[in-house]
Amino acid sequence: MLLITIWWSTFRWQTYETWTVVEFLLLCGYVSLFYVKSVILSPLRTEELPAFEQIRGKFYAVLALYCIVEPVVIFLRDGELAPWYYVPMMVHFFVLAGLGIYMGKAIFDRVFSVWFLIVNIAWIFLARFTG
């Protein structure tokens, strides 16, 4: 679900006319975060997938980095971070990613994954489609 919203958001860059090297590199790094997440979840050149307990810290660290990079990318593109509840949403995901690293509990991972899905679906319908 997140990849679909990121794709749609990145698609909006097509009307961006003045590109700088920094903006281009930031956007490339931003999109590459999702490749890094997929490699963490499904490593290359391994026979079997690692248990999530083995990769939990890396996964949540990349998610926390995403929570920092995405607002910068959105601000560069739009010149603002709207609607008003966007920044609190990203901060709360950052805090939850930190809690995921700190707690290291499977129940937290399950609850977080459901919560992340619910919030992203709500974000799609409330923010993207209504304004």
C-alpha atoms as a PDB file:
ATOM      1  CA  MET A   1       0.000   0.000   0.000  1.00  0.00           C
ATOM      2  CA  LEU A   2       2.805   2.387   0.874  1.00  0.00           C
ATOM      3  CA  LEU A   3       4.554   1.793  -2.438  1.00  0.00           C
ATOM      4  CA  ILE A   4       1.389   2.740  -4.316  1.00  0.00           C
ATOM      5  CA  THR A   5       1.054   6.016  -2.436  1.00  0.00           C
ATOM      6  CA  ILE A   6       4.755   6.780  -2.897  1.00  0.00           C
ATOM      7  CA  TRP A   7       4.511   6.035  -6.611  1.00  0.00           C
ATOM      8  CA  TRP A   8       1.520   8.342  -6.930  1.00  0.00           C
ATOM      9  CA  SER A   9       3.254  11.063  -4.929  1.00  0.00           C
ATOM     10  CA  THR A  10       6.450  10.718  -6.960  1.00  0.00           C
ATOM     11  CA  PHE A  11       4.431  10.891 -10.171  1.00  0.00           C
ATOM     12  CA  ARG A  12       3.538  14.463  -9.208  1.00  0.00           C
ATOM     13  CA  TRP A  13       7.181  15.449  -9.783  1.00  0.00           C
ATOM     14  CA  GLN A  14       6.619  15.280 -13.561  1.00  0.00           C
ATOM     15  CA  THR A  15       5.427  18.919 -13.606  1.00  0.00           C
ATOM     16  CA  TYR A  16       8.427  20.082 -11.568  1.00  0.00           C
ATOM     17  CA  GLU A  17      10.368  22.326 -13.936  1.00  0.00           C
ATOM     18  CA  THR A  18      13.478  23.550 -12.117  1.00  0.00           C
ATOM     19  CA  TRP A  19      15.675  20.651 -11.012  1.00  0.00           C
ATOM     20  CA  THR A  20      18.859  20.969  -9.008  1.00  0.00           C
ATOM     21  CA  VAL A  21      21.398  18.231  -8.411  1.00  0.00           C
ATOM     22  CA  VAL A  22      20.539  18.171  -4.700  1.00  0.00           C
ATOM     23  CA  GLU A  23      16.816  17.693  -5.411  1.00  0.00           C
ATOM     24  CA  PHE A  24      17.537  14.968  -7.920  1.00  0.00           C
ATOM     25  CA  LEU A  25      19.859  13.103  -5.542  1.00  0.00           C
ATOM     26  CA  LEU A  26      17.404  13.491  -2.662  1.00  0.00           C
ATOM     27  CA  LEU A  27      14.593  12.039  -4.771  1.00  0.00           C
ATOM     28  CA  CYS A  28      16.822   9.158  -5.900  1.00  0.00           C
ATOM     29  CA  GLY A  29      17.789   8.439  -2.290  1.00  0.00           C
ATOM     30  CA  TYR A  30      14.174   8.669  -1.196  1.00  0.00           C
ATOM     31  CA  VAL A  31      12.998   6.120  -3.755  1.00  0.00           C
ATOM     32  CA  SER A  32      16.018   3.907  -3.004  1.00  0.00           C
ATOM     33  CA  LEU A  33      14.874   3.560   0.610  1.00  0.00           C
ATOM     34  CA  PHE A  34      12.160   1.216  -0.609  1.00  0.00           C
ATOM     35  CA  TYR A  35      14.700  -0.947  -2.413  1.00  0.00           C
ATOM     36  CA  VAL A  36      16.725  -1.084   0.806  1.00  0.00           C
ATOM     37  CA  LYS A  37      13.609  -2.170   2.719  1.00  0.00           C
ATOM     38  CA  SER A  38      12.936  -4.948   0.233  1.00  0.00           C
ATOM     39  CA  VAL A  39      16.543  -6.175   0.432  1.00  0.00           C
ATOM     40  CA  ILE A  40      16.331  -6.178   4.226  1.00  0.00           C
ATOM     41  CA  LEU A  41      13.119  -8.219   4.098  1.00  0.00           C
ATOM     42  CA  SER A  42      14.328 -10.549   1.348  1.00  0.00           C
ATOM     43  CA  PRO A  43      18.140 -10.560   1.179  1.00  0.00           C
ATOM     44  CA  LEU A  44      19.891 -11.364  -2.059  1.00  0.00           C
ATOM     45  CA  ARG A  45      21.934 -14.536  -2.411  1.00  0.00           C
ATOM     46  CA  THR A  46      20.455 -16.360   0.566  1.00  0.00           C
ATOM     47  CA  GLU A  47      18.740 -19.708   0.559  1.00  0.00           C
ATOM     48  CA  GLU A  48      16.180 -18.891   3.221  1.00  0.00           C
ATOM     49  CA  LEU A  49      14.608 -15.725   4.498  1.00  0.00           C
ATOM     50  CA  PRO A  50      15.824 -14.438   7.845  1.00  0.00           C
ATOM     51  CA  ALA A  51      13.404 -14.283  10.750  1.00  0.00           C
ATOM     52  CA  PHE A  52      12.052 -10.786  11.317  1.00  0.00           C
ATOM     53  CA  GLU A  53      13.685 -10.787  14.755  1.00  0.00           C
ATOM     54  CA  GLN A  54      17.072 -10.822  13.009  1.00  0.00           C
ATOM     55  CA  ILE A  55      16.308  -7.817  10.800  1.00  0.00           C
ATOM     56  CA  ARG A  56      13.912  -5.839  13.010  1.00  0.00           C
ATOM     57  CA  GLY A  57      16.415  -3.110  13.891  1.00  0.00           C
ATOM     58  CA  LYS A  58      17.431  -2.506  10.288  1.00  0.00           C
ATOM     59  CA  PHE A  59      13.834  -2.479   9.088  1.00  0.00           C
ATOM     60  CA  TYR A  60      12.670   0.054  11.675  1.00  0.00           C
ATOM     61  CA  ALA A  61      15.813   2.161  11.177  1.00  0.00           C
ATOM     62  CA  VAL A  62      15.065   2.484   7.442  1.00  0.00           C
ATOM     63  CA  LEU A  63      11.441   3.319   8.298  1.00  0.00           C
ATOM     64  CA  ALA A  64      12.637   6.039  10.682  1.00  0.00           C
ATOM     65  CA  LEU A  65      14.917   7.410   7.953  1.00  0.00           C
ATOM     66  CA  TYR A  66      11.933   7.422   5.579  1.00  0.00           C
ATOM     67  CA  CYS A  67      10.001   9.496   8.151  1.00  0.00           C
ATOM     68  CA  ILE A  68      12.776  12.099   8.029  1.00  0.00           C
ATOM     69  CA  VAL A  69      13.414  12.125   4.273  1.00  0.00           C
ATOM     70  CA  GLU A  70       9.828  12.140   3.019  1.00  0.00           C
ATOM     71  CA  PRO A  71       8.805  15.490   4.574  1.00  0.00           C
ATOM     72  CA  VAL A  72      11.931  17.070   3.071  1.00  0.00           C
ATOM     73  CA  VAL A  73      11.046  15.698  -0.378  1.00  0.00           C
ATOM     74  CA  ILE A  74       7.417  16.837  -0.049  1.00  0.00           C
ATOM     75  CA  PHE A  75       8.494  20.303   1.112  1.00  0.00           C
ATOM     76  CA  LEU A  76      10.863  20.669  -1.838  1.00  0.00           C
ATOM     77  CA  ARG A  77       8.140  19.676  -4.269  1.00  0.00           C
ATOM     78  CA  ASP A  78       5.171  21.578  -2.809  1.00  0.00           C
ATOM     79  CA  GLY A  79       6.818  24.357  -0.786  1.00  0.00           C
ATOM     80  CA  GLU A  80       4.726  23.374   2.233  1.00  0.00           C
ATOM     81  CA  LEU A  81       3.834  20.413   4.413  1.00  0.00           C
ATOM     82  CA  ALA A  82       0.073  20.303   4.075  1.00  0.00           C
ATOM     83  CA  PRO A  83      -2.380  19.354   5.428  1.00  0.00           C
ATOM     84  CA  TRP A  84      -1.591  20.349   8.973  1.00  0.00           C
ATOM     85  CA  TYR A  85      -1.750  16.767  10.287  1.00  0.00           C
ATOM     86  CA  TYR A  86       0.943  15.477   7.912  1.00  0.00           C
ATOM     87  CA  VAL A  87       3.896  16.363  10.164  1.00  0.00           C
ATOM     88  CA  PRO A  88       2.335  14.836  13.320  1.00  0.00           C
ATOM     89  CA  MET A  89       1.606  11.687  11.312  1.00  0.00           C
ATOM     90  CA  MET A  90       5.239  11.380  10.231  1.00  0.00           C
ATOM     91  CA  VAL A  91       6.512  12.144  13.747  1.00  0.00           C
ATOM     92  CA  HIS A  92       4.272   9.462  15.216  1.00  0.00           C
ATOM     93  CA  PHE A  93       5.579   6.921  12.663  1.00  0.00           C
ATOM     94  CA  PHE A  94       9.143   7.940  13.569  1.00  0.00           C
ATOM     95  CA  VAL A  95       8.409   7.420  17.279  1.00  0.00           C
ATOM     96  CA  LEU A  96       6.749   4.066  16.575  1.00  0.00           C
ATOM     97  CA  ALA A  97       9.780   2.965  14.533  1.00  0.00           C
ATOM     98  CA  GLY A  98      11.991   3.864  17.481  1.00  0.00           C
ATOM     99  CA  LEU A  99       9.722   1.912  19.804  1.00  0.00           C
ATOM    100  CA  GLY A 100       9.929  -1.052  17.441  1.00  0.00           C
ATOM    101  CA  ILE A 101      13.708  -1.023  17.717  1.00  0.00           C
ATOM    102  CA  TYR A 102      13.638  -0.521  21.478  1.00  0.00           C
ATOM    103  CA  MET A 103      10.908  -3.029  22.374  1.00  0.00           C
ATOM    104  CA  GLY A 104      11.856  -5.834  20.005  1.00  0.00           C
ATOM    105  CA  LYS A 105       8.555  -7.641  20.519  1.00  0.00           C
ATOM    106  CA  ALA A 106       6.641  -9.620  17.892  1.00  0.00           C
ATOM    107  CA  ILE A 107       3.289  -8.376  19.193  1.00  0.00           C
ATOM    108  CA  PHE A 108       4.412  -4.783  18.627  1.00  0.00           C
ATOM    109  CA  ASP A 109       5.425  -5.670  15.057  1.00  0.00           C
ATOM    110  CA  ARG A 110       1.992  -7.124  14.334  1.00  0.00           C
ATOM    111  CA  VAL A 111       0.078  -4.226  15.860  1.00  0.00           C
ATOM    112  CA  PHE A 112       2.339  -1.726  14.128  1.00  0.00           C
ATOM    113  CA  SER A 113       1.867  -3.344  10.713  1.00  0.00           C
ATOM    114  CA  VAL A 114      -1.926  -3.217  11.039  1.00  0.00           C
ATOM    115  CA  TRP A 115      -1.808   0.359  12.350  1.00  0.00           C
ATOM    116  CA  PHE A 116       0.532   1.435   9.538  1.00  0.00           C
ATOM    117  CA  LEU A 117      -1.850  -0.041   6.964  1.00  0.00           C
ATOM    118  CA  ILE A 118      -4.915   1.622   8.517  1.00  0.00           C
ATOM    119  CA  VAL A 119      -3.244   5.038   8.715  1.00  0.00           C
ATOM    120  CA  ASN A 120      -1.985   4.833   5.125  1.00  0.00           C
ATOM    121  CA  ILE A 121      -5.394   3.855   3.773  1.00  0.00           C
ATOM    122  CA  ALA A 122      -6.973   6.692   5.750  1.00  0.00           C
ATOM    123  CA  TRP A 123      -4.273   9.046   4.420  1.00  0.00           C
ATOM    124  CA  ILE A 124      -5.044   8.034   0.844  1.00  0.00           C
ATOM    125  CA  PHE A 125      -8.740   8.688   1.198  1.00  0.00           C
ATOM    126  CA  LEU A 126      -8.687  11.692   3.516  1.00  0.00           C
ATOM    127  CA  ALA A 127      -5.716  13.680   2.313  1.00  0.00           C
ATOM    128  CA  ARG A 128      -5.031  12.630  -1.255  1.00  0.00           C
ATOM    129  CA  PHE A 129      -8.589  12.344  -2.561  1.00  0.00           C
ATOM    130  CA  THR A 130     -10.189  15.191  -0.627  1.00  0.00           C
ATOM    131  CA  GLY A 131      -7.527  17.801  -0.937  1.00  0.00           C
END
